[in-house]
N, C-alpha and C. Protein backbone atom coordinates (compact mmCIF):
# COMPACT_ATOMS: atom_id res chain seq x y z
N MET A 1 115.11 26.85 93.56
CA MET A 1 115.19 28.01 92.67
C MET A 1 114.48 29.22 93.29
N ARG A 2 113.31 28.96 93.85
CA ARG A 2 112.58 30.09 94.41
C ARG A 2 113.28 30.66 95.65
N ILE A 3 114.05 29.80 96.34
CA ILE A 3 114.85 30.31 97.46
C ILE A 3 115.90 31.28 96.94
N ALA A 4 116.50 30.93 95.80
CA ALA A 4 117.50 31.82 95.20
C ALA A 4 116.86 33.12 94.74
N LEU A 5 115.66 33.01 94.17
CA LEU A 5 114.96 34.22 93.73
C LEU A 5 114.58 35.09 94.93
N SER A 6 114.17 34.46 96.03
CA SER A 6 113.84 35.22 97.24
C SER A 6 115.07 35.95 97.77
N ALA A 7 116.22 35.25 97.70
CA ALA A 7 117.46 35.89 98.15
C ALA A 7 117.77 37.12 97.31
N ARG A 8 117.53 37.01 96.01
CA ARG A 8 117.76 38.18 95.15
C ARG A 8 116.82 39.33 95.55
N LEU A 9 115.55 38.98 95.82
CA LEU A 9 114.60 40.04 96.22
C LEU A 9 115.03 40.72 97.51
N ASP A 10 115.67 39.93 98.40
CA ASP A 10 116.11 40.49 99.69
C ASP A 10 117.45 41.19 99.58
N GLY A 11 118.01 41.24 98.37
CA GLY A 11 119.29 41.90 98.18
C GLY A 11 120.47 41.04 98.57
N GLU A 12 120.24 39.73 98.70
CA GLU A 12 121.32 38.82 99.07
C GLU A 12 121.86 38.12 97.82
N ASP A 13 123.00 37.46 97.99
CA ASP A 13 123.62 36.74 96.87
C ASP A 13 122.96 35.36 96.75
N PRO A 14 122.28 35.09 95.62
CA PRO A 14 121.63 33.77 95.48
C PRO A 14 122.62 32.63 95.23
N GLY A 15 123.87 32.92 95.00
CA GLY A 15 124.89 31.88 94.77
C GLY A 15 125.09 31.55 93.31
N PHE A 16 124.17 31.94 92.46
CA PHE A 16 124.30 31.74 91.01
C PHE A 16 123.37 32.72 90.32
N ASP A 17 123.49 32.78 89.00
CA ASP A 17 122.66 33.71 88.22
C ASP A 17 121.40 32.98 87.77
N PRO A 18 120.20 33.38 88.34
CA PRO A 18 118.96 32.66 87.98
C PRO A 18 118.29 33.21 86.72
N ASP A 19 118.93 34.15 86.04
CA ASP A 19 118.28 34.77 84.89
C ASP A 19 118.01 33.77 83.78
N ASP A 20 118.94 32.84 83.54
CA ASP A 20 118.73 31.85 82.48
C ASP A 20 117.49 31.02 82.77
N HIS A 21 117.34 30.63 84.05
CA HIS A 21 116.17 29.82 84.41
C HIS A 21 114.88 30.62 84.25
N LEU A 22 114.90 31.89 84.61
CA LEU A 22 113.71 32.73 84.49
C LEU A 22 113.28 32.88 83.04
N ARG A 23 114.26 32.95 82.14
CA ARG A 23 113.92 33.09 80.72
C ARG A 23 113.25 31.82 80.19
N ARG A 24 113.60 30.68 80.77
CA ARG A 24 113.08 29.41 80.27
C ARG A 24 111.83 28.95 81.01
N CYS A 25 111.65 29.39 82.26
CA CYS A 25 110.55 28.88 83.09
C CYS A 25 109.50 29.96 83.29
N ALA A 26 108.36 29.79 82.63
CA ALA A 26 107.29 30.80 82.74
C ALA A 26 106.71 30.85 84.14
N GLY A 27 106.62 29.68 84.83
CA GLY A 27 106.06 29.65 86.18
C GLY A 27 106.91 30.43 87.16
N CYS A 28 108.22 30.18 87.11
CA CYS A 28 109.12 30.91 88.02
C CYS A 28 109.14 32.40 87.69
N ARG A 29 109.07 32.67 86.39
CA ARG A 29 109.08 34.08 85.98
C ARG A 29 107.84 34.80 86.50
N GLU A 30 106.67 34.13 86.41
CA GLU A 30 105.43 34.74 86.91
C GLU A 30 105.50 34.91 88.43
N TRP A 31 106.04 33.86 89.10
CA TRP A 31 106.15 33.94 90.56
C TRP A 31 107.09 35.08 90.97
N PHE A 32 108.18 35.22 90.24
CA PHE A 32 109.16 36.25 90.58
C PHE A 32 108.57 37.65 90.37
N GLU A 33 107.77 37.80 89.32
CA GLU A 33 107.15 39.11 89.06
C GLU A 33 106.17 39.47 90.17
N ARG A 34 105.34 38.44 90.61
CA ARG A 34 104.40 38.71 91.69
C ARG A 34 105.15 39.01 92.99
N ALA A 35 106.21 38.24 93.24
CA ALA A 35 106.99 38.45 94.46
C ALA A 35 107.68 39.82 94.45
N SER A 36 108.14 40.23 93.26
CA SER A 36 108.78 41.54 93.15
C SER A 36 107.78 42.66 93.44
N ALA A 37 106.55 42.51 92.90
CA ALA A 37 105.52 43.53 93.14
C ALA A 37 105.15 43.59 94.61
N LEU A 38 105.03 42.40 95.26
CA LEU A 38 104.69 42.37 96.68
C LEU A 38 105.81 42.97 97.52
N ALA A 39 107.04 42.66 97.16
CA ALA A 39 108.18 43.20 97.90
C ALA A 39 108.24 44.72 97.77
N ALA A 40 107.88 45.22 96.58
CA ALA A 40 107.90 46.68 96.39
C ALA A 40 106.86 47.37 97.26
N MET A 41 105.70 46.69 97.46
CA MET A 41 104.64 47.29 98.27
C MET A 41 104.95 47.23 99.76
N THR A 42 105.67 46.19 100.17
CA THR A 42 105.92 46.00 101.61
C THR A 42 107.30 46.47 102.04
N ARG A 43 108.06 46.97 101.08
CA ARG A 43 109.42 47.41 101.42
C ARG A 43 109.36 48.58 102.40
N VAL A 44 110.15 48.53 103.45
CA VAL A 44 110.21 49.62 104.43
C VAL A 44 110.86 50.83 103.78
N PRO A 45 110.19 51.96 103.80
CA PRO A 45 110.78 53.14 103.17
C PRO A 45 112.05 53.60 103.87
N THR A 46 112.93 54.17 103.08
CA THR A 46 114.18 54.69 103.65
C THR A 46 113.87 55.85 104.59
N PRO A 47 114.33 55.78 105.82
CA PRO A 47 114.02 56.88 106.75
C PRO A 47 114.61 58.21 106.27
N THR A 48 113.81 59.25 106.40
CA THR A 48 114.27 60.59 106.01
C THR A 48 114.58 61.39 107.28
N PRO A 49 115.55 62.25 107.22
CA PRO A 49 115.90 63.02 108.41
C PRO A 49 114.76 63.95 108.83
N ASP A 50 114.59 64.11 110.13
CA ASP A 50 113.57 65.00 110.68
C ASP A 50 114.12 66.43 110.65
N LEU A 51 113.54 67.25 109.78
CA LEU A 51 114.01 68.63 109.61
C LEU A 51 113.19 69.64 110.40
N THR A 52 112.30 69.14 111.27
CA THR A 52 111.41 70.05 111.99
C THR A 52 112.19 71.08 112.80
N GLU A 53 113.15 70.59 113.59
CA GLU A 53 113.91 71.50 114.44
C GLU A 53 114.71 72.50 113.61
N LEU A 54 115.27 72.02 112.49
CA LEU A 54 116.04 72.91 111.63
C LEU A 54 115.16 74.00 111.04
N VAL A 55 113.96 73.61 110.58
CA VAL A 55 113.04 74.60 109.99
C VAL A 55 112.59 75.60 111.04
N LEU A 56 112.23 75.10 112.23
CA LEU A 56 111.79 76.00 113.31
C LEU A 56 112.91 76.95 113.72
N ALA A 57 114.13 76.44 113.77
CA ALA A 57 115.27 77.30 114.13
C ALA A 57 115.49 78.37 113.07
N ARG A 58 115.33 78.00 111.79
CA ARG A 58 115.51 78.97 110.72
C ARG A 58 114.43 80.05 110.78
N VAL A 59 113.17 79.63 111.03
CA VAL A 59 112.08 80.60 111.15
C VAL A 59 112.32 81.54 112.32
N ALA A 60 112.75 80.98 113.46
CA ALA A 60 113.03 81.82 114.63
C ALA A 60 114.16 82.80 114.35
N ALA A 61 115.19 82.33 113.64
CA ALA A 61 116.31 83.21 113.30
C ALA A 61 115.87 84.33 112.37
N ASP A 62 115.02 84.00 111.39
CA ASP A 62 114.52 85.03 110.47
C ASP A 62 113.68 86.06 111.21
N ARG A 63 112.84 85.58 112.14
CA ARG A 63 112.03 86.52 112.91
C ARG A 63 112.89 87.42 113.78
N ALA A 64 113.91 86.82 114.41
CA ALA A 64 114.80 87.60 115.26
C ALA A 64 115.55 88.65 114.44
N ALA A 65 116.00 88.25 113.24
CA ALA A 65 116.71 89.20 112.39
C ALA A 65 115.79 90.34 111.95
N SER A 66 114.54 89.99 111.61
CA SER A 66 113.58 91.02 111.20
C SER A 66 113.28 91.98 112.35
N ALA A 67 113.11 91.41 113.57
CA ALA A 67 112.84 92.26 114.73
C ALA A 67 114.03 93.16 115.03
N ALA A 68 115.24 92.61 114.92
CA ALA A 68 116.44 93.41 115.18
C ALA A 68 116.57 94.54 114.17
N ALA A 69 116.25 94.25 112.90
CA ALA A 69 116.32 95.30 111.87
C ALA A 69 115.28 96.39 112.13
N THR A 70 114.09 95.98 112.58
CA THR A 70 113.04 96.96 112.89
C THR A 70 113.47 97.87 114.03
N VAL A 71 114.03 97.26 115.09
CA VAL A 71 114.49 98.05 116.23
C VAL A 71 115.63 98.98 115.82
N ALA A 72 116.53 98.48 114.97
CA ALA A 72 117.65 99.31 114.52
C ALA A 72 117.15 100.52 113.74
N ARG A 73 116.16 100.30 112.84
CA ARG A 73 115.61 101.42 112.09
C ARG A 73 114.91 102.41 113.02
N ARG A 74 114.21 101.89 114.03
CA ARG A 74 113.50 102.76 114.97
C ARG A 74 114.50 103.60 115.77
N VAL A 75 115.59 102.97 116.21
CA VAL A 75 116.61 103.70 116.97
C VAL A 75 117.25 104.77 116.10
N TRP A 76 117.54 104.41 114.84
CA TRP A 76 118.16 105.39 113.94
C TRP A 76 117.23 106.58 113.72
N TRP A 77 115.95 106.31 113.48
CA TRP A 77 114.97 107.37 113.24
C TRP A 77 114.83 108.25 114.47
N THR A 78 114.80 107.63 115.66
CA THR A 78 114.69 108.39 116.90
C THR A 78 115.91 109.29 117.09
N ASP A 79 117.09 108.74 116.86
CA ASP A 79 118.31 109.53 117.01
C ASP A 79 118.33 110.70 116.03
N ALA A 80 117.89 110.46 114.80
CA ALA A 80 117.86 111.54 113.80
C ALA A 80 116.88 112.64 114.22
N LEU A 81 115.70 112.25 114.70
CA LEU A 81 114.73 113.24 115.16
C LEU A 81 115.27 114.04 116.33
N ARG A 82 115.90 113.35 117.28
CA ARG A 82 116.45 114.05 118.45
C ARG A 82 117.54 115.04 118.04
N LEU A 83 118.39 114.61 117.11
CA LEU A 83 119.48 115.48 116.67
C LEU A 83 118.95 116.73 115.98
N VAL A 84 118.01 116.55 115.06
CA VAL A 84 117.45 117.69 114.33
C VAL A 84 116.68 118.60 115.28
N LEU A 85 115.88 118.00 116.17
CA LEU A 85 115.10 118.79 117.12
C LEU A 85 116.02 119.58 118.04
N GLY A 86 117.06 118.95 118.55
CA GLY A 86 118.00 119.65 119.42
C GLY A 86 118.71 120.78 118.71
N GLY A 87 119.11 120.54 117.45
CA GLY A 87 119.78 121.60 116.69
C GLY A 87 118.88 122.79 116.43
N LEU A 88 117.63 122.52 116.01
CA LEU A 88 116.69 123.61 115.76
C LEU A 88 116.37 124.38 117.04
N ALA A 89 116.21 123.65 118.15
CA ALA A 89 115.92 124.32 119.42
C ALA A 89 117.08 125.20 119.86
N ALA A 90 118.31 124.73 119.64
CA ALA A 90 119.47 125.53 120.02
C ALA A 90 119.54 126.81 119.20
N VAL A 91 119.29 126.71 117.89
CA VAL A 91 119.28 127.90 117.04
C VAL A 91 118.18 128.86 117.47
N GLN A 92 117.02 128.32 117.76
CA GLN A 92 115.89 129.14 118.19
C GLN A 92 116.21 129.86 119.51
N LEU A 93 116.84 129.15 120.42
CA LEU A 93 117.20 129.76 121.70
C LEU A 93 118.23 130.87 121.52
N LEU A 94 119.18 130.66 120.63
CA LEU A 94 120.18 131.71 120.35
C LEU A 94 119.52 132.94 119.75
N LEU A 95 118.55 132.74 118.86
CA LEU A 95 117.85 133.88 118.27
C LEU A 95 117.03 134.64 119.30
N ALA A 96 116.53 133.94 120.31
CA ALA A 96 115.69 134.59 121.32
C ALA A 96 116.49 135.25 122.43
N LEU A 97 117.75 134.88 122.59
CA LEU A 97 118.54 135.39 123.72
C LEU A 97 118.65 136.92 123.75
N PRO A 98 118.91 137.60 122.63
CA PRO A 98 118.99 139.07 122.70
C PRO A 98 117.74 139.70 123.29
N GLY A 99 116.57 139.19 122.90
CA GLY A 99 115.33 139.73 123.45
C GLY A 99 115.16 139.39 124.91
N VAL A 100 115.55 138.17 125.30
CA VAL A 100 115.45 137.77 126.71
C VAL A 100 116.35 138.64 127.57
N LEU A 101 117.52 138.98 127.06
CA LEU A 101 118.47 139.81 127.81
C LEU A 101 118.15 141.29 127.71
N GLY A 102 117.07 141.63 127.00
CA GLY A 102 116.67 143.03 126.90
C GLY A 102 117.51 143.85 125.94
N LEU A 103 118.17 143.19 125.01
CA LEU A 103 119.05 143.91 124.09
C LEU A 103 118.33 144.40 122.85
N GLU A 104 117.16 143.85 122.56
CA GLU A 104 116.44 144.30 121.37
C GLU A 104 114.96 143.99 121.49
N GLY A 105 114.16 144.88 120.96
CA GLY A 105 112.73 144.66 120.74
C GLY A 105 111.91 144.39 121.99
N THR A 106 110.62 144.28 121.77
CA THR A 106 109.69 143.98 122.86
C THR A 106 108.84 142.77 122.50
N HIS A 107 109.35 141.97 121.59
CA HIS A 107 108.57 140.83 121.12
C HIS A 107 108.60 139.71 122.15
N ALA A 108 107.86 138.66 121.87
CA ALA A 108 107.69 137.56 122.84
C ALA A 108 108.89 136.64 122.86
N HIS A 109 110.06 137.23 123.15
CA HIS A 109 111.28 136.42 123.15
C HIS A 109 111.28 135.43 124.31
N HIS A 110 110.69 135.83 125.44
CA HIS A 110 110.66 134.91 126.58
C HIS A 110 109.87 133.64 126.24
N GLU A 111 108.75 133.82 125.53
CA GLU A 111 107.95 132.66 125.15
C GLU A 111 108.72 131.76 124.18
N VAL A 112 109.39 132.39 123.22
CA VAL A 112 110.17 131.61 122.26
C VAL A 112 111.28 130.85 122.97
N ALA A 113 111.96 131.53 123.90
CA ALA A 113 113.04 130.87 124.64
C ALA A 113 112.50 129.71 125.47
N ALA A 114 111.34 129.90 126.09
CA ALA A 114 110.75 128.84 126.91
C ALA A 114 110.41 127.62 126.05
N VAL A 115 109.82 127.88 124.88
CA VAL A 115 109.49 126.76 123.99
C VAL A 115 110.76 126.07 123.51
N ALA A 116 111.80 126.84 123.21
CA ALA A 116 113.06 126.25 122.77
C ALA A 116 113.67 125.37 123.85
N VAL A 117 113.59 125.81 125.10
CA VAL A 117 114.10 125.00 126.21
C VAL A 117 113.32 123.69 126.30
N ALA A 118 112.00 123.77 126.12
CA ALA A 118 111.18 122.54 126.14
C ALA A 118 111.59 121.60 125.01
N PHE A 119 111.86 122.15 123.84
CA PHE A 119 112.31 121.33 122.72
C PHE A 119 113.64 120.65 123.04
N LEU A 120 114.55 121.41 123.66
CA LEU A 120 115.85 120.84 124.02
C LEU A 120 115.68 119.70 125.03
N LEU A 121 114.83 119.90 126.02
CA LEU A 121 114.60 118.86 127.02
C LEU A 121 114.04 117.59 126.37
N ALA A 122 113.10 117.78 125.44
CA ALA A 122 112.52 116.62 124.76
C ALA A 122 113.55 115.92 123.88
N ALA A 123 114.46 116.70 123.29
CA ALA A 123 115.51 116.09 122.47
C ALA A 123 116.44 115.24 123.32
N PHE A 124 116.74 115.70 124.54
CA PHE A 124 117.62 114.93 125.42
C PHE A 124 116.87 113.79 126.12
N LYS A 125 115.57 113.97 126.34
CA LYS A 125 114.77 112.97 127.05
C LYS A 125 113.50 112.72 126.25
N PRO A 126 113.52 111.82 125.26
CA PRO A 126 112.38 111.64 124.35
C PRO A 126 111.07 111.27 125.04
N ALA A 127 111.13 110.69 126.24
CA ALA A 127 109.89 110.33 126.93
C ALA A 127 109.06 111.56 127.28
N LEU A 128 109.69 112.74 127.32
CA LEU A 128 108.96 113.97 127.60
C LEU A 128 108.25 114.52 126.37
N ALA A 129 108.56 113.97 125.21
CA ALA A 129 108.02 114.52 123.96
C ALA A 129 106.50 114.45 123.92
N ARG A 130 105.92 113.33 124.36
CA ARG A 130 104.47 113.18 124.24
C ARG A 130 103.71 114.16 125.13
N PRO A 131 104.05 114.31 126.43
CA PRO A 131 103.32 115.31 127.21
C PRO A 131 103.58 116.74 126.76
N TYR A 132 104.75 117.01 126.18
CA TYR A 132 105.06 118.37 125.72
C TYR A 132 104.36 118.70 124.40
N ALA A 133 104.12 117.69 123.58
CA ALA A 133 103.69 117.94 122.19
C ALA A 133 102.44 118.81 122.06
N PRO A 134 101.33 118.53 122.76
CA PRO A 134 100.14 119.36 122.56
C PRO A 134 100.36 120.82 122.91
N VAL A 135 101.04 121.07 124.05
CA VAL A 135 101.30 122.45 124.46
C VAL A 135 102.22 123.14 123.47
N ALA A 136 103.25 122.42 123.03
CA ALA A 136 104.21 123.01 122.10
C ALA A 136 103.55 123.38 120.77
N VAL A 137 102.66 122.52 120.29
CA VAL A 137 101.98 122.81 119.02
C VAL A 137 101.10 124.05 119.15
N VAL A 138 100.37 124.15 120.26
CA VAL A 138 99.50 125.33 120.47
C VAL A 138 100.34 126.60 120.56
N LEU A 139 101.42 126.56 121.35
CA LEU A 139 102.27 127.74 121.49
C LEU A 139 102.92 128.12 120.17
N ALA A 140 103.41 127.11 119.44
CA ALA A 140 104.04 127.39 118.15
C ALA A 140 103.03 128.01 117.19
N GLY A 141 101.81 127.48 117.18
CA GLY A 141 100.78 128.05 116.31
C GLY A 141 100.47 129.49 116.67
N CYS A 142 100.39 129.78 117.97
CA CYS A 142 100.11 131.16 118.40
C CYS A 142 101.26 132.10 118.03
N LEU A 143 102.50 131.64 118.22
CA LEU A 143 103.65 132.48 117.88
C LEU A 143 103.72 132.75 116.38
N VAL A 144 103.46 131.72 115.59
CA VAL A 144 103.49 131.91 114.13
C VAL A 144 102.37 132.85 113.70
N LEU A 145 101.18 132.68 114.27
CA LEU A 145 100.06 133.55 113.92
C LEU A 145 100.36 134.99 114.31
N SER A 146 100.93 135.18 115.50
CA SER A 146 101.30 136.54 115.93
C SER A 146 102.34 137.15 115.01
N ALA A 147 103.32 136.34 114.60
CA ALA A 147 104.37 136.84 113.71
C ALA A 147 103.79 137.23 112.35
N VAL A 148 102.90 136.41 111.83
CA VAL A 148 102.28 136.71 110.54
C VAL A 148 101.46 137.99 110.61
N LEU A 149 100.72 138.17 111.69
CA LEU A 149 99.91 139.39 111.85
C LEU A 149 100.81 140.62 111.95
N ASP A 150 101.88 140.53 112.73
CA ASP A 150 102.80 141.67 112.86
C ASP A 150 103.45 142.01 111.52
N LEU A 151 103.83 140.99 110.77
CA LEU A 151 104.46 141.23 109.47
C LEU A 151 103.45 141.82 108.48
N SER A 152 102.22 141.34 108.52
CA SER A 152 101.21 141.84 107.58
C SER A 152 100.85 143.30 107.86
N ARG A 153 100.96 143.72 109.13
CA ARG A 153 100.65 145.11 109.49
C ARG A 153 101.88 146.00 109.41
N GLY A 154 103.01 145.41 109.09
CA GLY A 154 104.23 146.20 108.99
C GLY A 154 104.78 146.63 110.33
N GLU A 155 104.40 145.95 111.39
CA GLU A 155 104.85 146.34 112.73
C GLU A 155 106.15 145.66 113.13
N SER A 156 106.65 144.79 112.29
CA SER A 156 107.90 144.09 112.61
C SER A 156 108.58 143.68 111.31
N THR A 157 109.79 143.20 111.45
CA THR A 157 110.55 142.74 110.29
C THR A 157 110.71 141.23 110.34
N LEU A 158 111.05 140.68 109.19
CA LEU A 158 111.23 139.24 109.11
C LEU A 158 112.37 138.77 110.01
N ALA A 159 113.41 139.60 110.12
CA ALA A 159 114.54 139.24 110.98
C ALA A 159 114.10 139.12 112.44
N HIS A 160 113.21 140.03 112.87
CA HIS A 160 112.71 139.99 114.24
C HIS A 160 111.80 138.79 114.47
N GLN A 161 111.08 138.38 113.45
CA GLN A 161 110.09 137.32 113.60
C GLN A 161 110.62 135.93 113.21
N ALA A 162 111.89 135.86 112.85
CA ALA A 162 112.44 134.57 112.39
C ALA A 162 112.30 133.49 113.45
N GLY A 163 112.63 133.84 114.69
CA GLY A 163 112.54 132.86 115.77
C GLY A 163 111.12 132.37 115.98
N HIS A 164 110.14 133.30 115.84
CA HIS A 164 108.74 132.92 116.01
C HIS A 164 108.28 132.00 114.88
N LEU A 165 108.64 132.37 113.66
CA LEU A 165 108.18 131.61 112.50
C LEU A 165 108.75 130.19 112.47
N MET A 166 110.00 130.06 112.87
CA MET A 166 110.63 128.74 112.80
C MET A 166 110.17 127.81 113.92
N THR A 167 109.39 128.34 114.87
CA THR A 167 108.92 127.50 115.98
C THR A 167 108.08 126.33 115.48
N ILE A 168 107.39 126.52 114.38
CA ILE A 168 106.50 125.46 113.89
C ILE A 168 107.29 124.23 113.43
N VAL A 169 108.54 124.44 112.98
CA VAL A 169 109.33 123.31 112.49
C VAL A 169 109.73 122.37 113.63
N PRO A 170 110.38 122.88 114.71
CA PRO A 170 110.68 121.95 115.81
C PRO A 170 109.42 121.39 116.47
N ALA A 171 108.31 122.15 116.41
CA ALA A 171 107.06 121.61 116.96
C ALA A 171 106.63 120.36 116.18
N ALA A 172 106.76 120.42 114.86
CA ALA A 172 106.44 119.25 114.04
C ALA A 172 107.39 118.09 114.34
N MET A 173 108.68 118.41 114.53
CA MET A 173 109.64 117.37 114.88
C MET A 173 109.30 116.75 116.23
N LEU A 174 108.85 117.59 117.17
CA LEU A 174 108.48 117.08 118.49
C LEU A 174 107.29 116.13 118.40
N VAL A 175 106.32 116.46 117.57
CA VAL A 175 105.16 115.58 117.38
C VAL A 175 105.61 114.24 116.78
N ALA A 176 106.49 114.31 115.79
CA ALA A 176 106.99 113.07 115.18
C ALA A 176 107.74 112.22 116.21
N LEU A 177 108.51 112.88 117.07
CA LEU A 177 109.24 112.16 118.11
C LEU A 177 108.29 111.59 119.15
N ALA A 178 107.25 112.35 119.48
CA ALA A 178 106.32 111.93 120.53
C ALA A 178 105.51 110.71 120.13
N TYR A 179 105.09 110.66 118.87
CA TYR A 179 104.17 109.61 118.45
C TYR A 179 104.81 108.57 117.56
N ARG A 180 106.12 108.47 117.62
CA ARG A 180 106.80 107.40 116.90
C ARG A 180 106.49 106.08 117.60
N PRO A 181 106.51 104.94 116.89
CA PRO A 181 106.23 103.64 117.52
C PRO A 181 107.23 103.33 118.62
N GLY A 182 106.71 102.89 119.76
CA GLY A 182 107.57 102.45 120.86
C GLY A 182 108.07 103.55 121.74
N ASN A 183 107.57 104.79 121.57
CA ASN A 183 108.04 105.87 122.42
C ASN A 183 107.38 105.77 123.79
N PRO A 184 108.16 105.59 124.89
CA PRO A 184 107.55 105.51 126.21
C PRO A 184 107.23 106.89 126.74
N THR A 185 106.23 106.97 127.62
CA THR A 185 105.93 108.20 128.33
C THR A 185 106.51 108.09 129.73
N PRO A 186 106.65 109.20 130.46
CA PRO A 186 107.32 109.15 131.76
C PRO A 186 106.73 108.16 132.75
N ASN A 187 105.44 107.83 132.64
CA ASN A 187 104.83 106.91 133.59
C ASN A 187 104.76 105.48 133.07
N GLN A 188 105.43 105.20 131.95
CA GLN A 188 105.42 103.86 131.38
C GLN A 188 106.72 103.15 131.67
N PRO A 189 106.68 101.79 131.80
CA PRO A 189 107.93 101.04 131.91
C PRO A 189 108.77 101.28 130.66
N GLY A 190 110.06 101.40 130.86
CA GLY A 190 110.92 101.66 129.71
C GLY A 190 111.30 103.11 129.60
N HIS A 191 110.67 103.99 130.42
CA HIS A 191 111.02 105.40 130.40
C HIS A 191 112.47 105.55 130.84
N GLY A 192 113.23 106.30 130.07
CA GLY A 192 114.62 106.55 130.42
C GLY A 192 115.57 105.49 129.92
N ARG A 193 115.05 104.43 129.31
CA ARG A 193 115.93 103.40 128.79
C ARG A 193 115.97 103.47 127.28
N ARG A 194 117.15 103.42 126.74
CA ARG A 194 117.33 103.47 125.29
C ARG A 194 117.06 102.10 124.71
N GLU A 195 116.39 102.09 123.54
CA GLU A 195 116.16 100.82 122.86
C GLU A 195 117.49 100.25 122.42
N GLU A 196 117.65 98.94 122.60
CA GLU A 196 118.88 98.29 122.22
C GLU A 196 118.58 97.21 121.19
N VAL A 197 119.52 97.03 120.29
CA VAL A 197 119.38 95.99 119.27
C VAL A 197 120.11 94.77 119.77
N ALA A 198 119.37 93.70 119.96
CA ALA A 198 119.97 92.45 120.44
C ALA A 198 120.01 91.46 119.30
N VAL A 199 121.20 91.07 118.89
CA VAL A 199 121.35 90.09 117.82
C VAL A 199 121.83 88.80 118.45
N ARG A 200 121.01 87.81 118.37
CA ARG A 200 121.37 86.53 118.98
C ARG A 200 121.90 85.59 117.91
């Protein structure tokens, strides 16, 4: 009988139904209960799949996606700054051209034109933005101060000083471009190379 009960514990066919005997025999019933408890403690657990590689791969994929999104946002922001800076510099240069060509006034059109050219160069080559930024900010501040003084004394008109006054705007754009995260300087590796988004 106990061989049949052991077979049942092992998941095998005992050859007959021992339940009737268990109901009638207290000794076998007690033995079967103890054997069942022992079998439950010693039973080999069902192997579970190793998900370590899957989890690590998912974490790596999430990190790669996050890094790619960060680079994409950085590239978009850089392109937007370059576009706005280039547009403002072009307008500023056009406003300064009549004075440079000697067609009007005696104001500092040459200085405005020179600063505008520097802005254009930085827009086309962002690595130049950082070395240009301090000089451009000082020049823009001086031009704006000079324009404000001339206007306050009535020695000039707003139309004549428009190019000088607007210099501060591209100067601010240049500073933003110069000190954005990941901006290389001419002596750093990566100068002249555009950031690329790599999606693996």
